[in-house]
Amino acid sequence: MKKNLLALLLVFALTVAGAFAQEQAERTTEKYDGKMSYRNVIVYKVFDHKDVVIVIYAKHGKDMGQVMIPKSWTHENPRKLTYRTCPPGINPYMSVVTMDGEFHKVILTLPHVKSPDSLWTVASPHLDIGDAASAETLELDY
């Protein structure tokens, strides 16, 4: 009796989970049918400012680039700025995602720990960021 009840509950749970997974897959695939691409760059340093995140990244060759990303992008829907924790042994990097050649979002894959010897540092609160905090798009010089 217990085995039959357990088997019935297991079949029910698998049916519900399968229906939910199919619904989620349909929801995500119907959002966009265009061309999506991304480009990764190595991150050397991240400056935390109250309005922006300033990222120093590797350009082609030995050059370095700098970009200011508005922190307000983390609150938009859909998000234009996302953070991910960098696994141990992987260099921190930044992914810029484009759809049909237009900027879509940026993903920062960085270590979570903000220790003095990490790539995180605090930017001066008096730093002139201009209109970077209200930017609508991101352009990187690769």
N, C-alpha and C. Protein backbone atom coordinates (compact mmCIF):
# COMPACT_ATOMS: atom_id res chain seq x y z
N MET A 1 0.82 -1.18 0.00
CA MET A 1 0.00 0.00 0.00
C MET A 1 0.87 1.27 0.00
N LYS A 2 1.89 1.29 0.86
CA LYS A 2 2.77 2.45 0.95
C LYS A 2 3.56 2.62 -0.34
N LYS A 3 3.97 1.51 -0.95
CA LYS A 3 4.73 1.59 -2.20
C LYS A 3 3.86 2.15 -3.32
N ASN A 4 2.61 1.75 -3.38
CA ASN A 4 1.71 2.27 -4.41
C ASN A 4 1.47 3.76 -4.23
N LEU A 5 1.26 4.18 -3.00
CA LEU A 5 1.04 5.59 -2.72
C LEU A 5 2.28 6.42 -3.06
N LEU A 6 3.44 5.88 -2.70
CA LEU A 6 4.69 6.57 -3.01
C LEU A 6 4.90 6.66 -4.52
N ALA A 7 4.62 5.59 -5.24
CA ALA A 7 4.77 5.60 -6.70
C ALA A 7 3.80 6.59 -7.33
N LEU A 8 2.58 6.67 -6.82
CA LEU A 8 1.59 7.61 -7.33
C LEU A 8 2.02 9.06 -7.10
N LEU A 9 2.55 9.34 -5.91
CA LEU A 9 3.05 10.69 -5.61
C LEU A 9 4.25 11.05 -6.49
N LEU A 10 5.11 10.09 -6.76
CA LEU A 10 6.26 10.33 -7.60
C LEU A 10 5.83 10.64 -9.04
N VAL A 11 4.89 9.91 -9.56
CA VAL A 11 4.38 10.16 -10.92
C VAL A 11 3.73 11.54 -10.99
N PHE A 12 2.94 11.89 -9.98
CA PHE A 12 2.30 13.20 -9.94
C PHE A 12 3.33 14.32 -9.91
N ALA A 13 4.36 14.17 -9.08
CA ALA A 13 5.40 15.19 -8.97
C ALA A 13 6.15 15.36 -10.29
N LEU A 14 6.46 14.27 -10.96
CA LEU A 14 7.16 14.35 -12.24
C LEU A 14 6.30 14.99 -13.31
N THR A 15 5.00 14.71 -13.29
CA THR A 15 4.08 15.31 -14.26
C THR A 15 4.00 16.82 -14.06
N VAL A 16 3.87 17.26 -12.82
CA VAL A 16 3.79 18.69 -12.52
C VAL A 16 5.11 19.38 -12.89
N ALA A 17 6.23 18.76 -12.54
CA ALA A 17 7.53 19.36 -12.86
C ALA A 17 7.73 19.45 -14.37
N GLY A 18 7.33 18.43 -15.10
CA GLY A 18 7.46 18.45 -16.56
C GLY A 18 6.62 19.55 -17.19
N ALA A 19 5.40 19.72 -16.71
CA ALA A 19 4.53 20.78 -17.24
C ALA A 19 5.10 22.15 -16.95
N PHE A 20 5.64 22.33 -15.74
CA PHE A 20 6.22 23.62 -15.36
C PHE A 20 7.45 23.91 -16.22
N ALA A 21 8.30 22.91 -16.44
CA ALA A 21 9.51 23.11 -17.25
C ALA A 21 9.14 23.46 -18.70
N GLN A 22 8.12 22.81 -19.24
CA GLN A 22 7.70 23.11 -20.61
C GLN A 22 7.16 24.53 -20.71
N GLU A 23 6.41 24.97 -19.71
CA GLU A 23 5.86 26.33 -19.70
C GLU A 23 6.99 27.36 -19.64
N GLN A 24 8.00 27.11 -18.81
CA GLN A 24 9.14 28.01 -18.71
C GLN A 24 9.90 28.07 -20.03
N ALA A 25 10.10 26.93 -20.68
CA ALA A 25 10.83 26.90 -21.94
C ALA A 25 10.06 27.67 -23.02
N GLU A 26 8.75 27.53 -23.06
CA GLU A 26 7.95 28.27 -24.04
C GLU A 26 8.02 29.76 -23.77
N ARG A 27 8.02 30.14 -22.51
CA ARG A 27 8.05 31.56 -22.15
C ARG A 27 9.37 32.20 -22.55
N THR A 28 10.49 31.49 -22.40
CA THR A 28 11.78 32.08 -22.72
C THR A 28 12.06 32.07 -24.21
N THR A 29 11.58 31.09 -24.95
CA THR A 29 11.88 31.04 -26.38
C THR A 29 11.03 31.99 -27.19
N GLU A 30 9.88 32.39 -26.70
CA GLU A 30 9.04 33.27 -27.49
C GLU A 30 9.38 34.75 -27.32
N LYS A 31 10.32 35.07 -26.44
CA LYS A 31 10.66 36.47 -26.20
C LYS A 31 11.41 37.10 -27.36
N TYR A 32 12.33 36.38 -27.98
CA TYR A 32 13.20 37.01 -28.96
C TYR A 32 13.61 36.00 -30.02
N ASP A 33 13.52 36.41 -31.28
CA ASP A 33 13.88 35.55 -32.39
C ASP A 33 15.05 36.10 -33.19
N GLY A 34 15.64 37.22 -32.79
CA GLY A 34 16.71 37.84 -33.56
C GLY A 34 18.07 37.26 -33.25
N LYS A 35 19.10 37.97 -33.71
CA LYS A 35 20.47 37.50 -33.55
C LYS A 35 21.07 38.08 -32.27
N MET A 36 21.51 37.19 -31.38
CA MET A 36 22.13 37.61 -30.13
C MET A 36 23.59 37.17 -30.16
N SER A 37 24.48 38.05 -29.70
CA SER A 37 25.89 37.71 -29.61
C SER A 37 26.48 38.37 -28.37
N TYR A 38 27.69 37.96 -28.03
CA TYR A 38 28.35 38.54 -26.87
C TYR A 38 29.84 38.61 -27.12
N ARG A 39 30.49 39.43 -26.32
CA ARG A 39 31.94 39.57 -26.39
C ARG A 39 32.46 39.66 -24.97
N ASN A 40 33.48 38.88 -24.65
CA ASN A 40 34.08 38.86 -23.32
C ASN A 40 35.39 39.63 -23.32
N VAL A 41 35.64 40.36 -22.24
CA VAL A 41 36.93 41.02 -22.02
C VAL A 41 37.37 40.75 -20.60
N ILE A 42 38.68 40.65 -20.40
CA ILE A 42 39.24 40.43 -19.07
C ILE A 42 39.14 41.72 -18.27
N VAL A 43 38.78 41.59 -17.00
CA VAL A 43 38.66 42.75 -16.10
C VAL A 43 39.89 42.80 -15.21
N TYR A 44 40.53 43.99 -15.17
CA TYR A 44 41.71 44.19 -14.33
C TYR A 44 41.36 44.81 -12.98
N LYS A 45 40.44 45.78 -12.98
CA LYS A 45 40.13 46.52 -11.74
C LYS A 45 38.69 47.01 -11.82
N VAL A 46 38.03 47.05 -10.66
CA VAL A 46 36.66 47.56 -10.57
C VAL A 46 36.62 48.60 -9.46
N PHE A 47 36.17 49.81 -9.82
CA PHE A 47 36.03 50.89 -8.85
C PHE A 47 34.55 51.05 -8.52
N ASP A 48 34.23 50.96 -7.25
CA ASP A 48 32.85 51.07 -6.79
C ASP A 48 32.56 52.52 -6.42
N HIS A 49 31.66 53.14 -7.15
CA HIS A 49 31.22 54.52 -6.91
C HIS A 49 29.75 54.46 -6.51
N LYS A 50 29.23 55.50 -5.90
CA LYS A 50 27.84 55.44 -5.44
C LYS A 50 26.84 55.38 -6.60
N ASP A 51 27.18 55.91 -7.78
CA ASP A 51 26.25 55.92 -8.91
C ASP A 51 26.65 55.01 -10.06
N VAL A 52 27.92 54.69 -10.17
CA VAL A 52 28.41 53.89 -11.29
C VAL A 52 29.41 52.84 -10.81
N VAL A 53 29.66 51.89 -11.68
CA VAL A 53 30.75 50.93 -11.50
C VAL A 53 31.74 51.23 -12.61
N ILE A 54 32.98 51.51 -12.23
CA ILE A 54 34.02 51.84 -13.21
C ILE A 54 34.87 50.58 -13.40
N VAL A 55 34.94 50.11 -14.63
CA VAL A 55 35.64 48.87 -14.93
C VAL A 55 36.83 49.17 -15.83
N ILE A 56 38.01 48.70 -15.40
CA ILE A 56 39.22 48.76 -16.22
C ILE A 56 39.37 47.37 -16.84
N TYR A 57 39.41 47.31 -18.18
CA TYR A 57 39.40 46.03 -18.87
C TYR A 57 40.51 45.97 -19.91
N ALA A 58 40.78 44.75 -20.39
CA ALA A 58 41.82 44.53 -21.39
C ALA A 58 41.27 44.78 -22.78
N LYS A 59 42.00 45.56 -23.54
CA LYS A 59 41.68 45.76 -24.95
C LYS A 59 42.61 44.86 -25.76
N HIS A 60 42.47 44.90 -27.05
CA HIS A 60 43.32 44.09 -27.92
C HIS A 60 44.78 44.48 -27.71
N GLY A 61 45.64 43.51 -27.59
CA GLY A 61 47.05 43.77 -27.36
C GLY A 61 47.32 44.06 -25.89
N LYS A 62 48.12 45.08 -25.65
CA LYS A 62 48.50 45.42 -24.28
C LYS A 62 47.73 46.60 -23.72
N ASP A 63 46.80 47.13 -24.48
CA ASP A 63 46.07 48.32 -24.06
C ASP A 63 45.01 48.00 -23.03
N MET A 64 44.61 49.05 -22.29
CA MET A 64 43.53 48.93 -21.31
C MET A 64 42.45 49.95 -21.65
N GLY A 65 41.23 49.60 -21.36
CA GLY A 65 40.11 50.50 -21.56
C GLY A 65 39.38 50.73 -20.25
N GLN A 66 38.55 51.76 -20.23
CA GLN A 66 37.77 52.09 -19.03
C GLN A 66 36.34 52.36 -19.46
N VAL A 67 35.40 51.86 -18.68
CA VAL A 67 33.99 52.10 -18.95
C VAL A 67 33.27 52.35 -17.63
N MET A 68 32.30 53.26 -17.66
CA MET A 68 31.46 53.54 -16.49
C MET A 68 30.07 52.97 -16.75
N ILE A 69 29.63 52.10 -15.86
CA ILE A 69 28.35 51.44 -16.01
C ILE A 69 27.41 51.94 -14.91
N PRO A 70 26.25 52.48 -15.26
CA PRO A 70 25.32 52.97 -14.23
C PRO A 70 24.80 51.85 -13.34
N LYS A 71 24.81 52.07 -12.04
CA LYS A 71 24.27 51.07 -11.11
C LYS A 71 22.75 50.96 -11.22
N SER A 72 22.11 51.99 -11.75
CA SER A 72 20.65 51.96 -11.90
C SER A 72 20.21 50.87 -12.87
N TRP A 73 21.10 50.37 -13.71
CA TRP A 73 20.76 49.32 -14.65
C TRP A 73 20.40 48.02 -13.95
N THR A 74 20.82 47.84 -12.69
CA THR A 74 20.47 46.62 -11.97
C THR A 74 19.00 46.62 -11.54
N HIS A 75 18.35 47.79 -11.57
CA HIS A 75 16.96 47.89 -11.14
C HIS A 75 15.98 47.98 -12.30
N GLU A 76 16.48 48.05 -13.53
CA GLU A 76 15.61 48.14 -14.69
C GLU A 76 15.02 46.78 -15.02
N ASN A 77 13.94 46.79 -15.79
CA ASN A 77 13.34 45.54 -16.22
C ASN A 77 13.20 45.57 -17.73
N PRO A 78 13.93 44.81 -18.48
CA PRO A 78 14.90 43.80 -18.08
C PRO A 78 16.21 44.47 -17.63
N ARG A 79 16.95 43.77 -16.81
CA ARG A 79 18.20 44.31 -16.29
C ARG A 79 19.23 44.48 -17.40
N LYS A 80 19.92 45.61 -17.33
CA LYS A 80 21.02 45.85 -18.27
C LYS A 80 22.37 45.53 -17.63
N LEU A 81 22.39 45.42 -16.29
CA LEU A 81 23.62 45.09 -15.56
C LEU A 81 23.34 43.93 -14.62
N THR A 82 24.14 42.88 -14.78
CA THR A 82 24.00 41.70 -13.94
C THR A 82 25.37 41.33 -13.41
N TYR A 83 25.41 40.87 -12.15
CA TYR A 83 26.63 40.39 -11.54
C TYR A 83 26.56 38.87 -11.39
N ARG A 84 27.70 38.21 -11.60
CA ARG A 84 27.84 36.79 -11.33
C ARG A 84 29.11 36.60 -10.53
N THR A 85 29.12 35.57 -9.68
CA THR A 85 30.31 35.26 -8.90
C THR A 85 31.28 34.45 -9.76
N CYS A 86 32.51 34.90 -9.76
CA CYS A 86 33.56 34.24 -10.54
C CYS A 86 34.05 33.00 -9.79
N PRO A 87 34.02 31.83 -10.45
CA PRO A 87 34.51 30.63 -9.78
C PRO A 87 36.02 30.71 -9.53
N PRO A 88 36.51 30.01 -8.51
CA PRO A 88 37.96 30.02 -8.26
C PRO A 88 38.73 29.47 -9.46
N GLY A 89 39.86 30.10 -9.75
CA GLY A 89 40.70 29.66 -10.85
C GLY A 89 40.36 30.30 -12.19
N ILE A 90 39.29 31.10 -12.24
CA ILE A 90 38.88 31.77 -13.47
C ILE A 90 39.17 33.26 -13.32
N ASN A 91 39.76 33.86 -14.35
CA ASN A 91 40.01 35.30 -14.31
C ASN A 91 38.69 36.06 -14.42
N PRO A 92 38.56 37.17 -13.70
CA PRO A 92 37.33 37.98 -13.80
C PRO A 92 37.16 38.50 -15.23
N TYR A 93 35.92 38.57 -15.69
CA TYR A 93 35.67 39.05 -17.03
C TYR A 93 34.32 39.77 -17.12
N MET A 94 34.15 40.49 -18.21
CA MET A 94 32.93 41.22 -18.47
C MET A 94 32.40 40.77 -19.83
N SER A 95 31.10 40.45 -19.88
CA SER A 95 30.46 40.04 -21.13
C SER A 95 29.50 41.13 -21.55
N VAL A 96 29.65 41.58 -22.80
CA VAL A 96 28.73 42.57 -23.36
C VAL A 96 27.85 41.83 -24.37
N VAL A 97 26.55 41.82 -24.10
CA VAL A 97 25.58 41.09 -24.92
C VAL A 97 24.89 42.08 -25.85
N THR A 98 24.81 41.72 -27.14
CA THR A 98 24.13 42.56 -28.12
C THR A 98 23.02 41.75 -28.81
N MET A 99 21.97 42.44 -29.22
CA MET A 99 20.90 41.85 -30.01
C MET A 99 20.77 42.66 -31.28
N ASP A 100 20.90 42.00 -32.41
CA ASP A 100 20.85 42.66 -33.72
C ASP A 100 21.82 43.83 -33.80
N GLY A 101 23.00 43.68 -33.18
CA GLY A 101 24.02 44.71 -33.24
C GLY A 101 23.86 45.84 -32.25
N GLU A 102 22.76 45.86 -31.49
CA GLU A 102 22.50 46.91 -30.50
C GLU A 102 22.80 46.39 -29.10
N PHE A 103 23.32 47.25 -28.23
CA PHE A 103 23.60 46.86 -26.86
C PHE A 103 22.34 46.35 -26.18
N HIS A 104 22.47 45.21 -25.47
CA HIS A 104 21.35 44.64 -24.73
C HIS A 104 21.63 44.66 -23.23
N LYS A 105 22.76 44.06 -22.79
CA LYS A 105 23.12 44.08 -21.38
C LYS A 105 24.58 43.75 -21.19
N VAL A 106 25.06 43.98 -19.97
CA VAL A 106 26.44 43.67 -19.60
C VAL A 106 26.40 42.78 -18.36
N ILE A 107 27.26 41.77 -18.37
CA ILE A 107 27.34 40.83 -17.25
C ILE A 107 28.76 40.91 -16.70
N LEU A 108 28.88 41.23 -15.41
CA LEU A 108 30.18 41.29 -14.74
C LEU A 108 30.36 40.01 -13.93
N THR A 109 31.37 39.23 -14.28
CA THR A 109 31.70 38.00 -13.55
C THR A 109 32.94 38.29 -12.73
N LEU A 110 32.72 38.51 -11.44
CA LEU A 110 33.77 39.01 -10.56
C LEU A 110 33.80 38.22 -9.26
N PRO A 111 34.95 38.22 -8.55
CA PRO A 111 34.98 37.59 -7.23
C PRO A 111 34.05 38.34 -6.28
N HIS A 112 33.39 37.59 -5.43
CA HIS A 112 32.44 38.19 -4.50
C HIS A 112 33.15 38.94 -3.37
N VAL A 113 34.29 38.45 -2.96
CA VAL A 113 35.02 39.02 -1.83
C VAL A 113 35.63 40.35 -2.23
N LYS A 114 35.35 41.38 -1.45
CA LYS A 114 35.91 42.70 -1.70
C LYS A 114 37.01 42.97 -0.68
N SER A 115 38.10 42.22 -0.77
CA SER A 115 39.21 42.38 0.16
C SER A 115 40.21 43.39 -0.40
N PRO A 116 41.12 43.90 0.44
CA PRO A 116 42.08 44.91 -0.02
C PRO A 116 42.96 44.43 -1.17
N ASP A 117 43.24 43.14 -1.27
CA ASP A 117 44.11 42.65 -2.34
C ASP A 117 43.33 42.16 -3.56
N SER A 118 42.02 42.36 -3.57
CA SER A 118 41.22 41.92 -4.71
C SER A 118 41.17 43.01 -5.78
N LEU A 119 40.45 42.74 -6.85
CA LEU A 119 40.36 43.74 -7.91
C LEU A 119 39.36 44.84 -7.59
N TRP A 120 38.56 44.67 -6.52
CA TRP A 120 37.60 45.70 -6.11
C TRP A 120 38.31 46.82 -5.36
N THR A 121 37.92 48.05 -5.61
CA THR A 121 38.39 49.19 -4.83
C THR A 121 37.29 50.25 -4.85
N VAL A 122 37.39 51.20 -3.97
CA VAL A 122 36.39 52.25 -3.86
C VAL A 122 36.87 53.50 -4.59
N ALA A 123 36.01 54.03 -5.44
CA ALA A 123 36.34 55.26 -6.17
C ALA A 123 36.07 56.46 -5.28
N SER A 124 36.76 57.53 -5.54
CA SER A 124 36.57 58.75 -4.78
C SER A 124 35.14 59.27 -4.98
N PRO A 125 34.47 59.68 -3.90
CA PRO A 125 33.12 60.20 -4.06
C PRO A 125 33.09 61.52 -4.81
N HIS A 126 34.23 62.19 -4.93
CA HIS A 126 34.31 63.47 -5.62
C HIS A 126 34.68 63.32 -7.09
N LEU A 127 34.80 62.08 -7.56
CA LEU A 127 35.14 61.81 -8.95
C LEU A 127 34.05 62.33 -9.87
N ASP A 128 34.47 63.05 -10.91
CA ASP A 128 33.52 63.59 -11.88
C ASP A 128 33.13 62.48 -12.85
N ILE A 129 31.89 62.01 -12.76
CA ILE A 129 31.44 60.94 -13.64
C ILE A 129 30.60 61.48 -14.80
N GLY A 130 30.37 62.77 -14.82
CA GLY A 130 29.62 63.40 -15.91
C GLY A 130 28.21 62.84 -15.99
N ASP A 131 27.78 62.50 -17.19
CA ASP A 131 26.44 61.96 -17.37
C ASP A 131 26.44 60.44 -17.47
N ALA A 132 27.51 59.78 -16.98
CA ALA A 132 27.62 58.32 -17.07
C ALA A 132 26.53 57.61 -16.26
N ALA A 133 26.05 58.23 -15.19
CA ALA A 133 25.03 57.59 -14.34
C ALA A 133 23.67 57.52 -15.03
N SER A 134 23.47 58.32 -16.06
CA SER A 134 22.18 58.31 -16.76
C SER A 134 22.29 57.76 -18.18
N ALA A 135 23.38 57.07 -18.48
CA ALA A 135 23.58 56.53 -19.83
C ALA A 135 22.54 55.45 -20.14
N GLU A 136 22.19 55.34 -21.40
CA GLU A 136 21.19 54.36 -21.85
C GLU A 136 21.83 53.17 -22.55
N THR A 137 23.07 53.32 -23.00
CA THR A 137 23.74 52.25 -23.74
C THR A 137 25.20 52.17 -23.30
N LEU A 138 25.87 51.13 -23.73
CA LEU A 138 27.27 50.92 -23.37
C LEU A 138 28.06 50.65 -24.63
N GLU A 139 29.14 51.37 -24.81
CA GLU A 139 30.01 51.15 -25.96
C GLU A 139 31.42 50.92 -25.46
N LEU A 140 31.97 49.78 -25.84
CA LEU A 140 33.33 49.44 -25.45
C LEU A 140 34.25 49.57 -26.65
N ASP A 141 35.46 50.02 -26.37
CA ASP A 141 36.50 50.06 -27.40
C ASP A 141 37.34 48.81 -27.20
N TYR A 142 37.22 47.88 -28.12
CA TYR A 142 37.92 46.60 -28.00
C TYR A 142 39.32 46.73 -28.55
